[in-house]
């Protein structure tokens, strides 16, 4: 059970004038136990889309696999690459079905989706209940989100570029790491621009006891 559950996280999505920034911490927990110090919570779905995970690991893994497959099927059927809005609605439908399926373990998975298409770059908040919300500025999810949002509210600027957004993402995640015990052990940051999706920052925090 402990290998399947993750109850704490801090993820961040920031809309910049030249792209989107996605970031997350590295700690996976089961209750008060840290079960993974190198968890990847930002995942590239395709050349056009990337997501962050918060919630139950097993559900996030399964929904992501289904999402990748359905996106590919949609592209084959329509002979065109899905828009970010289409991808967000598809993921929202999967989450809607997931949380309403009877199970001993509640299916709780929260995604932030960033994508690029012919109309630009876009950010969506996909809540565990299946709701789909377009994000015009910034968003944070997980147990440490209240701390990250405080930093984002104070320092976000509508005309910032992805380099500035990356620094703000690191600052907001780091603030959550200082106060939320379920978030920690490092930061990953990805940028989604008109040209590519790439990891731009990675840092693992290690702790040692020495006499």
C-alpha atoms as a PDB file:
ATOM      1  CA  UNK A   1       0.000   0.000   0.000  1.00  0.00           C
ATOM      2  CA  UNK A   2       2.781   2.432   0.915  1.00  0.00           C
ATOM      3  CA  UNK A   3       4.380   2.010  -2.517  1.00  0.00           C
ATOM      4  CA  UNK A   4       1.121   3.054  -4.199  1.00  0.00           C
ATOM      5  CA  UNK A   5       0.167   6.116  -2.181  1.00  0.00           C
ATOM      6  CA  UNK A   6       1.473   9.642  -2.333  1.00  0.00           C
ATOM      7  CA  UNK A   7      -0.354  12.073  -0.110  1.00  0.00           C
ATOM      8  CA  UNK A   8       1.912  15.113  -0.271  1.00  0.00           C
ATOM      9  CA  UNK A   9       3.226  17.184  -3.162  1.00  0.00           C
ATOM     10  CA  UNK A  10       3.900  20.684  -4.389  1.00  0.00           C
ATOM     11  CA  UNK A  11       3.494  21.355  -8.112  1.00  0.00           C
ATOM     12  CA  UNK A  12       3.500  24.704  -9.874  1.00  0.00           C
ATOM     13  CA  UNK A  13       2.433  25.946 -13.301  1.00  0.00           C
ATOM     14  CA  UNK A  14       3.291  29.454 -14.532  1.00  0.00           C
ATOM     15  CA  UNK A  15       2.100  31.179 -17.716  1.00  0.00           C
ATOM     16  CA  UNK A  16       4.829  33.333 -19.270  1.00  0.00           C
ATOM     17  CA  UNK A  17       4.821  35.540 -22.351  1.00  0.00           C
ATOM     18  CA  UNK A  18       6.932  33.012 -24.283  1.00  0.00           C
ATOM     19  CA  UNK A  19       5.778  29.708 -22.801  1.00  0.00           C
ATOM     20  CA  UNK A  20       4.751  27.714 -19.748  1.00  0.00           C
ATOM     21  CA  UNK A  21       6.808  26.626 -16.739  1.00  0.00           C
ATOM     22  CA  UNK A  22       5.977  23.420 -14.839  1.00  0.00           C
ATOM     23  CA  UNK A  23       7.734  22.482 -11.598  1.00  0.00           C
ATOM     24  CA  UNK A  24       7.432  19.997  -8.747  1.00  0.00           C
ATOM     25  CA  UNK A  25       9.246  18.687  -5.707  1.00  0.00           C
ATOM     26  CA  UNK A  26      10.807  15.192  -5.496  1.00  0.00           C
ATOM     27  CA  UNK A  27       9.304  13.627  -2.342  1.00  0.00           C
ATOM     28  CA  UNK A  28       6.698  10.859  -2.341  1.00  0.00           C
ATOM     29  CA  UNK A  29       5.022   9.961   0.946  1.00  0.00           C
ATOM     30  CA  UNK A  30       2.631   7.452   2.454  1.00  0.00           C
ATOM     31  CA  UNK A  31       1.153   9.077   5.532  1.00  0.00           C
ATOM     32  CA  UNK A  32       4.137  10.265   7.585  1.00  0.00           C
ATOM     33  CA  UNK A  33       6.620   7.943   5.841  1.00  0.00           C
ATOM     34  CA  UNK A  34       8.857   9.103   2.996  1.00  0.00           C
ATOM     35  CA  UNK A  35       8.802   6.256   0.459  1.00  0.00           C
ATOM     36  CA  UNK A  36      10.711   7.919  -2.400  1.00  0.00           C
ATOM     37  CA  UNK A  37      13.192  10.804  -2.378  1.00  0.00           C
ATOM     38  CA  UNK A  38      13.642  10.928  -6.163  1.00  0.00           C
ATOM     39  CA  UNK A  39      10.057  10.849  -7.424  1.00  0.00           C
ATOM     40  CA  UNK A  40       9.417  12.333 -10.865  1.00  0.00           C
ATOM     41  CA  UNK A  41       6.254  14.438 -10.736  1.00  0.00           C
ATOM     42  CA  UNK A  42       6.626  16.264 -14.063  1.00  0.00           C
ATOM     43  CA  UNK A  43       6.129  13.990 -17.082  1.00  0.00           C
ATOM     44  CA  UNK A  44       6.436  14.650 -20.811  1.00  0.00           C
ATOM     45  CA  UNK A  45       3.428  13.114 -22.559  1.00  0.00           C
ATOM     46  CA  UNK A  46       4.427  13.874 -26.153  1.00  0.00           C
ATOM     47  CA  UNK A  47       6.264  16.485 -28.190  1.00  0.00           C
ATOM     48  CA  UNK A  48       3.391  18.867 -27.409  1.00  0.00           C
ATOM     49  CA  UNK A  49       2.231  18.127 -23.848  1.00  0.00           C
ATOM     50  CA  UNK A  50       3.579  17.727 -20.320  1.00  0.00           C
ATOM     51  CA  UNK A  51       1.822  17.183 -16.986  1.00  0.00           C
ATOM     52  CA  UNK A  52       2.492  17.325 -13.266  1.00  0.00           C
ATOM     53  CA  UNK A  53       1.213  14.737 -10.786  1.00  0.00           C
ATOM     54  CA  UNK A  54      -0.326  15.162  -7.345  1.00  0.00           C
ATOM     55  CA  UNK A  55      -2.363  12.554  -5.477  1.00  0.00           C
ATOM     56  CA  UNK A  56      -2.370   8.769  -5.619  1.00  0.00           C
ATOM     57  CA  UNK A  57       0.592   7.442  -7.586  1.00  0.00           C
ATOM     58  CA  UNK A  58      -1.110   4.351  -8.999  1.00  0.00           C
ATOM     59  CA  UNK A  59      -4.022   6.414 -10.337  1.00  0.00           C
ATOM     60  CA  UNK A  60      -1.720   9.063 -11.800  1.00  0.00           C
ATOM     61  CA  UNK A  61       0.342   6.354 -13.521  1.00  0.00           C
ATOM     62  CA  UNK A  62      -2.691   4.589 -14.996  1.00  0.00           C
ATOM     63  CA  UNK A  63      -4.450   7.773 -16.110  1.00  0.00           C
ATOM     64  CA  UNK A  64      -1.229   8.972 -17.755  1.00  0.00           C
ATOM     65  CA  UNK A  65      -0.863   5.708 -19.712  1.00  0.00           C
ATOM     66  CA  UNK A  66      -4.482   5.916 -20.866  1.00  0.00           C
ATOM     67  CA  UNK A  67      -4.053   9.597 -21.724  1.00  0.00           C
ATOM     68  CA  UNK A  68      -1.010   8.900 -23.910  1.00  0.00           C
ATOM     69  CA  UNK A  69      -2.824   6.092 -25.728  1.00  0.00           C
ATOM     70  CA  UNK A  70      -6.016   8.091 -26.296  1.00  0.00           C
ATOM     71  CA  UNK A  71      -4.056  11.088 -27.583  1.00  0.00           C
ATOM     72  CA  UNK A  72      -2.272   8.883 -30.102  1.00  0.00           C
ATOM     73  CA  UNK A  73      -5.554   7.289 -31.209  1.00  0.00           C
ATOM     74  CA  UNK A  74      -7.117  10.731 -31.631  1.00  0.00           C
ATOM     75  CA  UNK A  75      -4.203  11.867 -33.780  1.00  0.00           C
ATOM     76  CA  UNK A  76      -4.454   8.758 -35.973  1.00  0.00           C
ATOM     77  CA  UNK A  77      -8.233   9.077 -36.380  1.00  0.00           C
ATOM     78  CA  UNK A  78      -8.249  12.785 -37.204  1.00  0.00           C
ATOM     79  CA  UNK A  79      -4.902  12.877 -39.011  1.00  0.00           C
ATOM     80  CA  UNK A  80      -3.907  15.972 -37.059  1.00  0.00           C
ATOM     81  CA  UNK A  81      -2.228  16.769 -33.750  1.00  0.00           C
ATOM     82  CA  UNK A  82      -4.707  17.518 -30.927  1.00  0.00           C
ATOM     83  CA  UNK A  83      -4.904  21.059 -29.572  1.00  0.00           C
ATOM     84  CA  UNK A  84      -4.139  21.689 -25.922  1.00  0.00           C
ATOM     85  CA  UNK A  85      -7.834  22.291 -25.228  1.00  0.00           C
ATOM     86  CA  UNK A  86      -8.745  18.957 -26.819  1.00  0.00           C
ATOM     87  CA  UNK A  87      -6.047  17.201 -24.778  1.00  0.00           C
ATOM     88  CA  UNK A  88      -7.257  18.863 -21.568  1.00  0.00           C
ATOM     89  CA  UNK A  89     -10.851  17.805 -22.184  1.00  0.00           C
ATOM     90  CA  UNK A  90      -9.712  14.251 -22.917  1.00  0.00           C
ATOM     91  CA  UNK A  91      -7.724  14.083 -19.674  1.00  0.00           C
ATOM     92  CA  UNK A  92     -10.642  15.621 -17.767  1.00  0.00           C
ATOM     93  CA  UNK A  93     -12.927  12.859 -19.035  1.00  0.00           C
ATOM     94  CA  UNK A  94     -10.504  10.185 -17.855  1.00  0.00           C
ATOM     95  CA  UNK A  95     -10.309  11.775 -14.398  1.00  0.00           C
ATOM     96  CA  UNK A  96     -14.107  12.086 -14.215  1.00  0.00           C
ATOM     97  CA  UNK A  97     -14.473   8.362 -14.887  1.00  0.00           C
ATOM     98  CA  UNK A  98     -11.601   7.438 -12.573  1.00  0.00           C
ATOM     99  CA  UNK A  99     -12.862   9.108  -9.402  1.00  0.00           C
ATOM    100  CA  UNK A 100     -16.382   7.734  -9.870  1.00  0.00           C
ATOM    101  CA  UNK A 101     -15.237   4.125 -10.128  1.00  0.00           C
ATOM    102  CA  UNK A 102     -15.926   2.074  -6.991  1.00  0.00           C
ATOM    103  CA  UNK A 103     -12.675   1.143  -5.250  1.00  0.00           C
ATOM    104  CA  UNK A 104     -11.196   0.371  -1.832  1.00  0.00           C
ATOM    105  CA  UNK A 105      -8.694   3.169  -2.490  1.00  0.00           C
ATOM    106  CA  UNK A 106     -10.164   6.506  -3.635  1.00  0.00           C
ATOM    107  CA  UNK A 107      -8.938   7.476  -7.098  1.00  0.00           C
ATOM    108  CA  UNK A 108      -7.483  10.908  -6.424  1.00  0.00           C
ATOM    109  CA  UNK A 109      -5.150  12.360  -9.049  1.00  0.00           C
ATOM    110  CA  UNK A 110      -4.618  16.064  -9.745  1.00  0.00           C
ATOM    111  CA  UNK A 111      -2.874  17.136 -12.969  1.00  0.00           C
ATOM    112  CA  UNK A 112      -1.529  20.378 -14.349  1.00  0.00           C
ATOM    113  CA  UNK A 113      -1.352  20.157 -18.147  1.00  0.00           C
ATOM    114  CA  UNK A 114       0.834  22.409 -20.280  1.00  0.00           C
ATOM    115  CA  UNK A 115       0.783  22.223 -24.053  1.00  0.00           C
ATOM    116  CA  UNK A 116       1.749  23.891 -27.297  1.00  0.00           C
ATOM    117  CA  UNK A 117      -0.272  24.050 -30.515  1.00  0.00           C
ATOM    118  CA  UNK A 118      -0.834  26.316 -33.501  1.00  0.00           C
ATOM    119  CA  UNK A 119      -2.478  28.954 -31.299  1.00  0.00           C
ATOM    120  CA  UNK A 120       0.378  29.141 -28.768  1.00  0.00           C
ATOM    121  CA  UNK A 121       1.124  27.662 -25.357  1.00  0.00           C
ATOM    122  CA  UNK A 122      -1.550  26.948 -22.758  1.00  0.00           C
ATOM    123  CA  UNK A 123      -1.921  25.804 -19.136  1.00  0.00           C
ATOM    124  CA  UNK A 124      -4.846  23.844 -17.662  1.00  0.00           C
ATOM    125  CA  UNK A 125      -5.765  22.735 -14.146  1.00  0.00           C
ATOM    126  CA  UNK A 126      -7.279  19.215 -14.108  1.00  0.00           C
ATOM    127  CA  UNK A 127      -8.879  18.634 -10.706  1.00  0.00           C
ATOM    128  CA  UNK A 128      -9.474  15.066  -9.437  1.00  0.00           C
ATOM    129  CA  UNK A 129     -13.240  15.422 -10.023  1.00  0.00           C
ATOM    130  CA  UNK A 130     -12.622  15.830 -13.763  1.00  0.00           C
ATOM    131  CA  UNK A 131     -13.118  19.586 -13.961  1.00  0.00           C
ATOM    132  CA  UNK A 132     -11.044  21.396 -16.585  1.00  0.00           C
ATOM    133  CA  UNK A 133      -9.946  24.985 -15.958  1.00  0.00           C
ATOM    134  CA  UNK A 134      -7.852  27.170 -18.237  1.00  0.00           C
ATOM    135  CA  UNK A 135      -5.189  28.986 -16.198  1.00  0.00           C
ATOM    136  CA  UNK A 136      -4.340  32.537 -17.339  1.00  0.00           C
ATOM    137  CA  UNK A 137      -1.465  33.197 -14.930  1.00  0.00           C
ATOM    138  CA  UNK A 138      -0.346  30.590 -12.361  1.00  0.00           C
ATOM    139  CA  UNK A 139      -1.546  27.598 -10.368  1.00  0.00           C
ATOM    140  CA  UNK A 140      -0.247  25.253  -7.675  1.00  0.00           C
ATOM    141  CA  UNK A 141      -1.483  21.875  -6.450  1.00  0.00           C
ATOM    142  CA  UNK A 142      -0.719  19.490  -3.605  1.00  0.00           C
ATOM    143  CA  UNK A 143      -0.285  19.780   0.133  1.00  0.00           C
ATOM    144  CA  UNK A 144       2.360  22.501  -0.197  1.00  0.00           C
ATOM    145  CA  UNK A 145       0.358  24.617  -2.638  1.00  0.00           C
ATOM    146  CA  UNK A 146      -0.774  27.140  -0.012  1.00  0.00           C
ATOM    147  CA  UNK A 147       2.868  28.125   0.583  1.00  0.00           C
ATOM    148  CA  UNK A 148       3.772  28.185  -3.114  1.00  0.00           C
ATOM    149  CA  UNK A 149       0.725  30.300  -3.952  1.00  0.00           C
ATOM    150  CA  UNK A 150       1.806  32.940  -1.458  1.00  0.00           C
ATOM    151  CA  UNK A 151       5.069  33.397  -3.366  1.00  0.00           C
ATOM    152  CA  UNK A 152       3.339  33.324  -6.751  1.00  0.00           C
ATOM    153  CA  UNK A 153       0.756  35.909  -5.695  1.00  0.00           C
ATOM    154  CA  UNK A 154       3.532  38.244  -4.553  1.00  0.00           C
ATOM    155  CA  UNK A 155       6.075  37.878  -7.358  1.00  0.00           C
ATOM    156  CA  UNK A 156       4.229  36.866 -10.530  1.00  0.00           C
ATOM    157  CA  UNK A 157       4.286  39.345 -13.435  1.00  0.00           C
ATOM    158  CA  UNK A 158       2.186  38.893 -16.558  1.00  0.00           C
ATOM    159  CA  UNK A 159       5.025  39.832 -18.933  1.00  0.00           C
ATOM    160  CA  UNK A 160       7.719  37.620 -17.398  1.00  0.00           C
ATOM    161  CA  UNK A 161       9.633  35.245 -19.706  1.00  0.00           C
ATOM    162  CA  UNK A 162      10.307  31.554 -19.085  1.00  0.00           C
ATOM    163  CA  UNK A 163      13.744  32.270 -17.612  1.00  0.00           C
ATOM    164  CA  UNK A 164      12.131  34.530 -15.006  1.00  0.00           C
ATOM    165  CA  UNK A 165       9.295  32.031 -14.604  1.00  0.00           C
ATOM    166  CA  UNK A 166      11.799  29.268 -13.898  1.00  0.00           C
ATOM    167  CA  UNK A 167      13.386  31.291 -11.091  1.00  0.00           C
ATOM    168  CA  UNK A 168       9.941  32.020  -9.640  1.00  0.00           C
ATOM    169  CA  UNK A 169       8.963  28.342  -9.850  1.00  0.00           C
ATOM    170  CA  UNK A 170      12.097  27.296  -7.957  1.00  0.00           C
ATOM    171  CA  UNK A 171      11.471  29.978  -5.337  1.00  0.00           C
ATOM    172  CA  UNK A 172       7.831  28.931  -4.829  1.00  0.00           C
ATOM    173  CA  UNK A 173       8.655  25.201  -4.595  1.00  0.00           C
ATOM    174  CA  UNK A 174      11.533  25.931  -2.218  1.00  0.00           C
ATOM    175  CA  UNK A 175       9.201  27.910   0.046  1.00  0.00           C
ATOM    176  CA  UNK A 176       6.830  24.923   0.203  1.00  0.00           C
ATOM    177  CA  UNK A 177       9.774  22.630   1.003  1.00  0.00           C
ATOM    178  CA  UNK A 178      10.558  24.754   4.056  1.00  0.00           C
ATOM    179  CA  UNK A 179       7.043  24.440   5.535  1.00  0.00           C
ATOM    180  CA  UNK A 180       5.309  21.349   4.117  1.00  0.00           C
ATOM    181  CA  UNK A 181       6.724  18.089   5.506  1.00  0.00           C
ATOM    182  CA  UNK A 182       5.157  16.075   2.664  1.00  0.00           C
ATOM    183  CA  UNK A 183       7.130  18.030   0.044  1.00  0.00           C
ATOM    184  CA  UNK A 184      10.891  17.896  -0.243  1.00  0.00           C
ATOM    185  CA  UNK A 185      14.153  16.388  -1.475  1.00  0.00           C
ATOM    186  CA  UNK A 186      14.529  18.510  -4.594  1.00  0.00           C
ATOM    187  CA  UNK A 187      13.011  20.392  -7.511  1.00  0.00           C
ATOM    188  CA  UNK A 188      12.404  19.640 -11.204  1.00  0.00           C
ATOM    189  CA  UNK A 189      11.479  22.416 -13.644  1.00  0.00           C
ATOM    190  CA  UNK A 190      10.355  22.030 -17.275  1.00  0.00           C
ATOM    191  CA  UNK A 191       9.542  24.686 -19.867  1.00  0.00           C
ATOM    192  CA  UNK A 192       7.018  24.366 -22.685  1.00  0.00           C
ATOM    193  CA  UNK A 193       7.648  26.825 -25.512  1.00  0.00           C
ATOM    194  CA  UNK A 194       6.642  27.122 -29.168  1.00  0.00           C
ATOM    195  CA  UNK A 195       9.759  25.143 -30.138  1.00  0.00           C
ATOM    196  CA  UNK A 196      10.134  22.395 -27.534  1.00  0.00           C
ATOM    197  CA  UNK A 197       9.524  20.872 -24.129  1.00  0.00           C
ATOM    198  CA  UNK A 198      12.637  20.442 -22.001  1.00  0.00           C
ATOM    199  CA  UNK A 199      13.918  20.104 -18.448  1.00  0.00           C
ATOM    200  CA  UNK A 200      15.699  23.326 -17.521  1.00  0.00           C
ATOM    201  CA  UNK A 201      16.414  22.835 -13.823  1.00  0.00           C
ATOM    202  CA  UNK A 202      17.030  19.842 -11.565  1.00  0.00           C
ATOM    203  CA  UNK A 203      18.313  19.785  -8.019  1.00  0.00           C
ATOM    204  CA  UNK A 204      18.257  17.027  -5.424  1.00  0.00           C
ATOM    205  CA  UNK A 205      18.599  17.910  -1.761  1.00  0.00           C
ATOM    206  CA  UNK A 206      20.422  15.356   0.368  1.00  0.00           C
ATOM    207  CA  UNK A 207      20.632  15.185   4.123  1.00  0.00           C
ATOM    208  CA  UNK A 208      23.280  13.371   6.142  1.00  0.00           C
ATOM    209  CA  UNK A 209      23.985  12.859   9.827  1.00  0.00           C
ATOM    210  CA  UNK A 210      27.667  13.225  10.692  1.00  0.00           C
ATOM    211  CA  UNK A 211      29.297  13.251  14.094  1.00  0.00           C
END
